[in-house]
């Protein structure tokens, strides 16, 4: 589905919606924070995080990476989250 799953849902940067777009991982390179997103329609893409939370900043400053979803789990996470949204 390429449209919103519920009224008022806002699209991600690529124009598609969660759970079609999942946060794959966050990384810090030099002094810049990035988020890598995985879109079912567009593939993987990266955006700069202009205002990350204090907690995320601390994790990235400490580890350099924060993995949200393992590659092998992406299809299952999408399926689970879609089922959850459809029950609302």
PDB file of N, CA and C in Angstrom:
ATOM      1  N   UNK A   1       0.846  -1.177   0.000  1.00  0.00           N
ATOM      2  CA  UNK A   1       0.000   0.000   0.000  1.00  0.00           C
ATOM      3  C   UNK A   1       0.890   1.238   0.000  1.00  0.00           C
ATOM      4  N   UNK A   2       0.599   2.192  -0.817  1.00  0.00           N
ATOM      5  CA  UNK A   2       1.446   3.374  -0.895  1.00  0.00           C
ATOM      6  C   UNK A   2       0.855   4.584  -0.189  1.00  0.00           C
ATOM      7  N   UNK A   3      -0.376   4.496   0.285  1.00  0.00           N
ATOM      8  CA  UNK A   3      -0.988   5.613   0.988  1.00  0.00           C
ATOM      9  C   UNK A   3      -0.904   5.432   2.485  1.00  0.00           C
ATOM     10  N   UNK A   4      -1.457   6.377   3.240  1.00  0.00           N
ATOM     11  CA  UNK A   4      -1.426   6.248   4.697  1.00  0.00           C
ATOM     12  C   UNK A   4      -2.268   5.062   5.169  1.00  0.00           C
ATOM     13  N   UNK A   5      -1.871   4.490   6.292  1.00  0.00           N
ATOM     14  CA  UNK A   5      -2.592   3.352   6.873  1.00  0.00           C
ATOM     15  C   UNK A   5      -3.691   3.808   7.813  1.00  0.00           C
ATOM     16  N   UNK A   6      -3.648   5.064   8.244  1.00  0.00           N
ATOM     17  CA  UNK A   6      -4.696   5.609   9.093  1.00  0.00           C
ATOM     18  C   UNK A   6      -4.765   7.117   8.860  1.00  0.00           C
ATOM     19  N   UNK A   7      -5.893   7.685   9.185  1.00  0.00           N
ATOM     20  CA  UNK A   7      -6.106   9.111   8.966  1.00  0.00           C
ATOM     21  C   UNK A   7      -5.109   9.929   9.785  1.00  0.00           C
ATOM     22  N   UNK A   8      -4.492  10.892   9.133  1.00  0.00           N
ATOM     23  CA  UNK A   8      -3.542  11.759   9.814  1.00  0.00           C
ATOM     24  C   UNK A   8      -2.111  11.251   9.841  1.00  0.00           C
ATOM     25  N   UNK A   9      -1.859  10.054   9.311  1.00  0.00           N
ATOM     26  CA  UNK A   9      -0.496   9.519   9.303  1.00  0.00           C
ATOM     27  C   UNK A   9       0.366  10.358   8.370  1.00  0.00           C
ATOM     28  N   UNK A  10       1.524  10.739   8.853  1.00  0.00           N
ATOM     29  CA  UNK A  10       2.438  11.562   8.055  1.00  0.00           C
ATOM     30  C   UNK A  10       3.456  10.675   7.345  1.00  0.00           C
ATOM     31  N   UNK A  11       3.768  11.010   6.079  1.00  0.00           N
ATOM     32  CA  UNK A  11       4.743  10.199   5.335  1.00  0.00           C
ATOM     33  C   UNK A  11       6.169  10.473   5.802  1.00  0.00           C
ATOM     34  N   UNK A  12       7.031   9.524   5.527  1.00  0.00           N
ATOM     35  CA  UNK A  12       8.453   9.700   5.768  1.00  0.00           C
ATOM     36  C   UNK A  12       9.034  10.536   4.632  1.00  0.00           C
ATOM     37  N   UNK A  13      10.314  10.780   4.664  1.00  0.00           N
ATOM     38  CA  UNK A  13      10.972  11.647   3.681  1.00  0.00           C
ATOM     39  C   UNK A  13      10.777  11.181   2.242  1.00  0.00           C
ATOM     40  N   UNK A  14      10.669   9.887   2.033  1.00  0.00           N
ATOM     41  CA  UNK A  14      10.518   9.351   0.677  1.00  0.00           C
ATOM     42  C   UNK A  14       9.076   9.429   0.176  1.00  0.00           C
ATOM     43  N   UNK A  15       8.147   9.787   1.060  1.00  0.00           N
ATOM     44  CA  UNK A  15       6.747   9.886   0.685  1.00  0.00           C
ATOM     45  C   UNK A  15       5.917   8.671   1.052  1.00  0.00           C
ATOM     46  N   UNK A  16       6.548   7.635   1.609  1.00  0.00           N
ATOM     47  CA  UNK A  16       5.833   6.438   2.013  1.00  0.00           C
ATOM     48  C   UNK A  16       5.642   6.422   3.535  1.00  0.00           C
ATOM     49  N   UNK A  17       4.919   5.433   4.016  1.00  0.00           N
ATOM     50  CA  UNK A  17       4.458   5.429   5.398  1.00  0.00           C
ATOM     51  C   UNK A  17       4.948   4.216   6.176  1.00  0.00           C
ATOM     52  N   UNK A  18       5.108   4.394   7.495  1.00  0.00           N
ATOM     53  CA  UNK A  18       5.363   3.289   8.405  1.00  0.00           C
ATOM     54  C   UNK A  18       4.155   2.366   8.330  1.00  0.00           C
ATOM     55  N   UNK A  19       4.300   1.081   8.254  1.00  0.00           N
ATOM     56  CA  UNK A  19       5.486   0.257   8.391  1.00  0.00           C
ATOM     57  C   UNK A  19       6.196  -0.068   7.084  1.00  0.00           C
ATOM     58  N   UNK A  20       5.774   0.542   5.968  1.00  0.00           N
ATOM     59  CA  UNK A  20       6.533   0.343   4.729  1.00  0.00           C
ATOM     60  C   UNK A  20       7.935   0.934   4.865  1.00  0.00           C
ATOM     61  N   UNK A  21       8.069   1.960   5.706  1.00  0.00           N
ATOM     62  CA  UNK A  21       9.366   2.583   5.973  1.00  0.00           C
ATOM     63  C   UNK A  21       9.722   2.292   7.430  1.00  0.00           C
ATOM     64  N   UNK A  22      10.851   1.622   7.629  1.00  0.00           N
ATOM     65  CA  UNK A  22      11.329   1.279   8.974  1.00  0.00           C
ATOM     66  C   UNK A  22      12.679   1.925   9.233  1.00  0.00           C
ATOM     67  N   UNK A  23      12.892   2.285  10.497  1.00  0.00           N
ATOM     68  CA  UNK A  23      14.225   2.762  10.904  1.00  0.00           C
ATOM     69  C   UNK A  23      15.118   1.539  10.950  1.00  0.00           C
ATOM     70  N   UNK A  24      16.139   1.534  10.125  1.00  0.00           N
ATOM     71  CA  UNK A  24      17.064   0.410  10.037  1.00  0.00           C
ATOM     72  C   UNK A  24      18.164   0.567  11.081  1.00  0.00           C
ATOM     73  N   UNK A  25      18.847   1.715  11.057  1.00  0.00           N
ATOM     74  CA  UNK A  25      19.877   1.991  12.058  1.00  0.00           C
ATOM     75  C   UNK A  25      20.209   3.475  12.079  1.00  0.00           C
ATOM     76  N   UNK A  26      20.819   3.896  13.178  1.00  0.00           N
ATOM     77  CA  UNK A  26      21.335   5.253  13.319  1.00  0.00           C
ATOM     78  C   UNK A  26      22.838   5.157  13.467  1.00  0.00           C
ATOM     79  N   UNK A  27      23.543   6.108  12.871  1.00  0.00           N
ATOM     80  CA  UNK A  27      25.007   6.097  12.943  1.00  0.00           C
ATOM     81  C   UNK A  27      25.528   7.506  13.172  1.00  0.00           C
ATOM     82  N   UNK A  28      26.739   7.563  13.689  1.00  0.00           N
ATOM     83  CA  UNK A  28      27.435   8.832  13.837  1.00  0.00           C
ATOM     84  C   UNK A  28      28.736   8.734  13.056  1.00  0.00           C
ATOM     85  N   UNK A  29      28.936   9.671  12.154  1.00  0.00           N
ATOM     86  CA  UNK A  29      30.177   9.759  11.383  1.00  0.00           C
ATOM     87  C   UNK A  29      30.754  11.132  11.648  1.00  0.00           C
ATOM     88  N   UNK A  30      31.966  11.157  12.139  1.00  0.00           N
ATOM     89  CA  UNK A  30      32.606  12.395  12.562  1.00  0.00           C
ATOM     90  C   UNK A  30      31.683  13.058  13.576  1.00  0.00           C
ATOM     91  N   UNK A  31      31.141  14.216  13.318  1.00  0.00           N
ATOM     92  CA  UNK A  31      30.262  14.865  14.288  1.00  0.00           C
ATOM     93  C   UNK A  31      28.823  14.975  13.795  1.00  0.00           C
ATOM     94  N   UNK A  32      28.466  14.146  12.806  1.00  0.00           N
ATOM     95  CA  UNK A  32      27.142  14.215  12.207  1.00  0.00           C
ATOM     96  C   UNK A  32      26.391  12.909  12.503  1.00  0.00           C
ATOM     97  N   UNK A  33      25.111  13.059  12.829  1.00  0.00           N
ATOM     98  CA  UNK A  33      24.248  11.920  13.133  1.00  0.00           C
ATOM     99  C   UNK A  33      23.359  11.637  11.929  1.00  0.00           C
ATOM    100  N   UNK A  34      23.235  10.348  11.584  1.00  0.00           N
ATOM    101  CA  UNK A  34      22.443   9.941  10.423  1.00  0.00           C
ATOM    102  C   UNK A  34      21.470   8.837  10.817  1.00  0.00           C
ATOM    103  N   UNK A  35      20.365   8.755  10.082  1.00  0.00           N
ATOM    104  CA  UNK A  35      19.415   7.656  10.216  1.00  0.00           C
ATOM    105  C   UNK A  35      19.327   6.969   8.868  1.00  0.00           C
ATOM    106  N   UNK A  36      19.432   5.656   8.877  1.00  0.00           N
ATOM    107  CA  UNK A  36      19.266   4.848   7.678  1.00  0.00           C
ATOM    108  C   UNK A  36      17.879   4.215   7.765  1.00  0.00           C
ATOM    109  N   UNK A  37      17.075   4.477   6.748  1.00  0.00           N
ATOM    110  CA  UNK A  37      15.715   3.969   6.689  1.00  0.00           C
ATOM    111  C   UNK A  37      15.611   2.923   5.594  1.00  0.00           C
ATOM    112  N   UNK A  38      14.732   1.967   5.781  1.00  0.00           N
ATOM    113  CA  UNK A  38      14.505   0.939   4.779  1.00  0.00           C
ATOM    114  C   UNK A  38      13.064   1.048   4.317  1.00  0.00           C
ATOM    115  N   UNK A  39      12.871   1.434   3.047  1.00  0.00           N
ATOM    116  CA  UNK A  39      11.534   1.588   2.477  1.00  0.00           C
ATOM    117  C   UNK A  39      11.251   0.412   1.547  1.00  0.00           C
ATOM    118  N   UNK A  40      10.099  -0.194   1.725  1.00  0.00           N
ATOM    119  CA  UNK A  40       9.682  -1.312   0.903  1.00  0.00           C
ATOM    120  C   UNK A  40       9.636  -0.915  -0.572  1.00  0.00           C
ATOM    121  N   UNK A  41       9.279   0.332  -0.864  1.00  0.00           N
ATOM    122  CA  UNK A  41       9.121   0.807  -2.239  1.00  0.00           C
ATOM    123  C   UNK A  41      10.408   1.394  -2.818  1.00  0.00           C
ATOM    124  N   UNK A  42      11.155   2.144  -2.005  1.00  0.00           N
ATOM    125  CA  UNK A  42      12.323   2.916  -2.485  1.00  0.00           C
ATOM    126  C   UNK A  42      13.666   2.255  -2.195  1.00  0.00           C
ATOM    127  N   UNK A  43      13.698   1.326  -1.266  1.00  0.00           N
ATOM    128  CA  UNK A  43      14.961   0.743  -0.833  1.00  0.00           C
ATOM    129  C   UNK A  43      15.516   1.500   0.370  1.00  0.00           C
ATOM    130  N   UNK A  44      16.784   1.358   0.584  1.00  0.00           N
ATOM    131  CA  UNK A  44      17.439   1.964   1.734  1.00  0.00           C
ATOM    132  C   UNK A  44      17.931   3.358   1.394  1.00  0.00           C
ATOM    133  N   UNK A  45      17.736   4.298   2.332  1.00  0.00           N
ATOM    134  CA  UNK A  45      18.247   5.654   2.130  1.00  0.00           C
ATOM    135  C   UNK A  45      18.625   6.261   3.477  1.00  0.00           C
ATOM    136  N   UNK A  46      19.433   7.309   3.418  1.00  0.00           N
ATOM    137  CA  UNK A  46      19.989   7.929   4.615  1.00  0.00           C
ATOM    138  C   UNK A  46      19.557   9.385   4.701  1.00  0.00           C
ATOM    139  N   UNK A  47      19.214   9.807   5.922  1.00  0.00           N
ATOM    140  CA  UNK A  47      18.916  11.214   6.183  1.00  0.00           C
ATOM    141  C   UNK A  47      19.785  11.684   7.340  1.00  0.00           C
ATOM    142  N   UNK A  48      20.056  12.966   7.381  1.00  0.00           N
ATOM    143  CA  UNK A  48      20.794  13.532   8.509  1.00  0.00           C
ATOM    144  C   UNK A  48      19.811  13.823   9.629  1.00  0.00           C
ATOM    145  N   UNK A  49      20.181  13.447  10.858  1.00  0.00           N
ATOM    146  CA  UNK A  49      19.361  13.757  12.025  1.00  0.00           C
ATOM    147  C   UNK A  49      19.794  15.121  12.551  1.00  0.00           C
ATOM    148  N   UNK A  50      18.945  16.106  12.399  1.00  0.00           N
ATOM    149  CA  UNK A  50      19.303  17.458  12.787  1.00  0.00           C
ATOM    150  C   UNK A  50      19.156  17.690  14.287  1.00  0.00           C
ATOM    151  N   UNK A  51      18.245  16.965  14.943  1.00  0.00           N
ATOM    152  CA  UNK A  51      18.018  17.168  16.370  1.00  0.00           C
ATOM    153  C   UNK A  51      17.735  15.833  17.061  1.00  0.00           C
ATOM    154  N   UNK A  52      18.757  14.946  17.149  1.00  0.00           N
ATOM    155  CA  UNK A  52      18.521  13.652  17.796  1.00  0.00           C
ATOM    156  C   UNK A  52      18.263  13.839  19.294  1.00  0.00           C
ATOM    157  N   UNK A  53      17.528  12.911  19.871  1.00  0.00           N
ATOM    158  CA  UNK A  53      17.252  12.973  21.308  1.00  0.00           C
ATOM    159  C   UNK A  53      18.557  12.831  22.099  1.00  0.00           C
ATOM    160  N   UNK A  54      18.528  13.259  23.342  1.00  0.00           N
ATOM    161  CA  UNK A  54      19.712  13.144  24.204  1.00  0.00           C
ATOM    162  C   UNK A  54      20.117  11.688  24.375  1.00  0.00           C
ATOM    163  N   UNK A  55      19.118  10.809  24.516  1.00  0.00           N
ATOM    164  CA  UNK A  55      19.401   9.384  24.716  1.00  0.00           C
ATOM    165  C   UNK A  55      20.071   8.782  23.482  1.00  0.00           C
ATOM    166  N   UNK A  56      19.547   9.113  22.308  1.00  0.00           N
ATOM    167  CA  UNK A  56      20.135   8.594  21.077  1.00  0.00           C
ATOM    168  C   UNK A  56      21.539   9.145  20.880  1.00  0.00           C
ATOM    169  N   UNK A  57      21.705  10.440  21.115  1.00  0.00           N
ATOM    170  CA  UNK A  57      23.038  11.041  21.003  1.00  0.00           C
ATOM    171  C   UNK A  57      24.036  10.317  21.900  1.00  0.00           C
ATOM    172  N   UNK A  58      23.638  10.041  23.135  1.00  0.00           N
ATOM    173  CA  UNK A  58      24.528   9.368  24.083  1.00  0.00           C
ATOM    174  C   UNK A  58      24.912   7.980  23.569  1.00  0.00           C
ATOM    175  N   UNK A  59      23.934   7.222  23.052  1.00  0.00           N
ATOM    176  CA  UNK A  59      24.234   5.878  22.520  1.00  0.00           C
ATOM    177  C   UNK A  59      25.173   5.964  21.326  1.00  0.00           C
ATOM    178  N   UNK A  60      24.913   6.919  20.422  1.00  0.00           N
ATOM    179  CA  UNK A  60      25.756   7.044  19.231  1.00  0.00           C
ATOM    180  C   UNK A  60      27.141   7.578  19.577  1.00  0.00           C
ATOM    181  N   UNK A  61      27.231   8.485  20.543  1.00  0.00           N
ATOM    182  CA  UNK A  61      28.540   8.976  20.978  1.00  0.00           C
ATOM    183  C   UNK A  61      29.361   7.840  21.586  1.00  0.00           C
ATOM    184  N   UNK A  62      28.678   6.942  22.281  1.00  0.00           N
ATOM    185  CA  UNK A  62      29.355   5.823  22.941  1.00  0.00           C
ATOM    186  C   UNK A  62      29.702   4.701  21.958  1.00  0.00           C
ATOM    187  N   UNK A  63      28.750   4.346  21.082  1.00  0.00           N
ATOM    188  CA  UNK A  63      28.918   3.153  20.238  1.00  0.00           C
ATOM    189  C   UNK A  63      29.141   3.440  18.755  1.00  0.00           C
ATOM    190  N   UNK A  64      28.725   4.609  18.286  1.00  0.00           N
ATOM    191  CA  UNK A  64      28.854   4.940  16.873  1.00  0.00           C
ATOM    192  C   UNK A  64      27.730   4.418  16.008  1.00  0.00           C
ATOM    193  N   UNK A  65      26.955   3.460  16.539  1.00  0.00           N
ATOM    194  CA  UNK A  65      25.853   2.882  15.775  1.00  0.00           C
ATOM    195  C   UNK A  65      24.770   2.410  16.745  1.00  0.00           C
ATOM    196  N   UNK A  66      23.517   2.501  16.306  1.00  0.00           N
ATOM    197  CA  UNK A  66      22.384   2.004  17.070  1.00  0.00           C
ATOM    198  C   UNK A  66      21.489   1.252  16.089  1.00  0.00           C
ATOM    199  N   UNK A  67      21.498  -0.063  16.174  1.00  0.00           N
ATOM    200  CA  UNK A  67      20.741  -0.898  15.237  1.00  0.00           C
ATOM    201  C   UNK A  67      19.308  -1.030  15.727  1.00  0.00           C
ATOM    202  N   UNK A  68      18.356  -0.704  14.850  1.00  0.00           N
ATOM    203  CA  UNK A  68      16.942  -0.787  15.196  1.00  0.00           C
ATOM    204  C   UNK A  68      16.336  -2.123  14.769  1.00  0.00           C
ATOM    205  N   UNK A  69      16.640  -2.552  13.547  1.00  0.00           N
ATOM    206  CA  UNK A  69      16.080  -3.786  12.987  1.00  0.00           C
ATOM    207  C   UNK A  69      17.184  -4.505  12.226  1.00  0.00           C
ATOM    208  N   UNK A  70      17.351  -5.778  12.515  1.00  0.00           N
ATOM    209  CA  UNK A  70      18.305  -6.578  11.750  1.00  0.00           C
ATOM    210  C   UNK A  70      17.748  -6.827  10.350  1.00  0.00           C
ATOM    211  N   UNK A  71      18.628  -6.899   9.377  1.00  0.00           N
ATOM    212  CA  UNK A  71      18.206  -7.093   7.983  1.00  0.00           C
ATOM    213  C   UNK A  71      17.289  -8.301   7.857  1.00  0.00           C
ATOM    214  N   UNK A  72      17.641  -9.386   8.476  1.00  0.00           N
ATOM    215  CA  UNK A  72      16.840 -10.611   8.338  1.00  0.00           C
ATOM    216  C   UNK A  72      15.454 -10.472   8.957  1.00  0.00           C
ATOM    217  N   UNK A  73      15.267  -9.503   9.872  1.00  0.00           N
ATOM    218  CA  UNK A  73      13.992  -9.340  10.572  1.00  0.00           C
ATOM    219  C   UNK A  73      13.056  -8.323   9.917  1.00  0.00           C
ATOM    220  N   UNK A  74      13.522  -7.590   8.916  1.00  0.00           N
ATOM    221  CA  UNK A  74      12.713  -6.525   8.317  1.00  0.00           C
ATOM    222  C   UNK A  74      11.353  -7.037   7.815  1.00  0.00           C
ATOM    223  N   UNK A  75      11.280  -8.124   7.044  1.00  0.00           N
ATOM    224  CA  UNK A  75       9.955  -8.570   6.571  1.00  0.00           C
ATOM    225  C   UNK A  75       9.007  -8.921   7.721  1.00  0.00           C
ATOM    226  N   UNK A  76       9.512  -9.570   8.747  1.00  0.00           N
ATOM    227  CA  UNK A  76       8.671  -9.948   9.886  1.00  0.00           C
ATOM    228  C   UNK A  76       8.217  -8.730  10.671  1.00  0.00           C
ATOM    229  N   UNK A  77       9.092  -7.753  10.865  1.00  0.00           N
ATOM    230  CA  UNK A  77       8.720  -6.531  11.586  1.00  0.00           C
ATOM    231  C   UNK A  77       7.641  -5.788  10.804  1.00  0.00           C
ATOM    232  N   UNK A  78       7.801  -5.670   9.492  1.00  0.00           N
ATOM    233  CA  UNK A  78       6.772  -5.016   8.667  1.00  0.00           C
ATOM    234  C   UNK A  78       5.429  -5.719   8.810  1.00  0.00           C
ATOM    235  N   UNK A  79       5.443  -7.032   8.721  1.00  0.00           N
ATOM    236  CA  UNK A  79       4.221  -7.826   8.815  1.00  0.00           C
ATOM    237  C   UNK A  79       3.560  -7.642  10.182  1.00  0.00           C
ATOM    238  N   UNK A  80       4.339  -7.708  11.247  1.00  0.00           N
ATOM    239  CA  UNK A  80       3.816  -7.564  12.607  1.00  0.00           C
ATOM    240  C   UNK A  80       3.227  -6.165  12.829  1.00  0.00           C
ATOM    241  N   UNK A  81       3.956  -5.132  12.392  1.00  0.00           N
ATOM    242  CA  UNK A  81       3.494  -3.768  12.597  1.00  0.00           C
ATOM    243  C   UNK A  81       2.258  -3.465  11.754  1.00  0.00           C
ATOM    244  N   UNK A  82       2.173  -3.999  10.545  1.00  0.00           N
ATOM    245  CA  UNK A  82       1.000  -3.826   9.710  1.00  0.00           C
ATOM    246  C   UNK A  82      -0.217  -4.469  10.374  1.00  0.00           C
ATOM    247  N   UNK A  83      -0.052  -5.662  10.886  1.00  0.00           N
ATOM    248  CA  UNK A  83      -1.151  -6.341  11.580  1.00  0.00           C
ATOM    249  C   UNK A  83      -1.597  -5.523  12.792  1.00  0.00           C
ATOM    250  N   UNK A  84      -0.653  -4.970  13.508  1.00  0.00           N
ATOM    251  CA  UNK A  84      -0.989  -4.147  14.686  1.00  0.00           C
ATOM    252  C   UNK A  84      -1.770  -2.903  14.255  1.00  0.00           C
ATOM    253  N   UNK A  85      -1.327  -2.234  13.198  1.00  0.00           N
ATOM    254  CA  UNK A  85      -2.021  -1.039  12.713  1.00  0.00           C
ATOM    255  C   UNK A  85      -3.438  -1.355  12.241  1.00  0.00           C
ATOM    256  N   UNK A  86      -3.607  -2.482  11.596  1.00  0.00           N
ATOM    257  CA  UNK A  86      -4.923  -2.843  11.074  1.00  0.00           C
ATOM    258  C   UNK A  86      -5.916  -3.226  12.175  1.00  0.00           C
ATOM    259  N   UNK A  87      -5.408  -3.515  13.376  1.00  0.00           N
ATOM    260  CA  UNK A  87      -6.279  -3.852  14.507  1.00  0.00           C
ATOM    261  C   UNK A  87      -6.777  -2.598  15.225  1.00  0.00           C
ATOM    262  N   UNK A  88      -6.135  -1.461  14.987  1.00  0.00           N
ATOM    263  CA  UNK A  88      -6.525  -0.218  15.683  1.00  0.00           C
ATOM    264  C   UNK A  88      -7.894   0.248  15.282  1.00  0.00           C
TER     265      UNK A  88
END
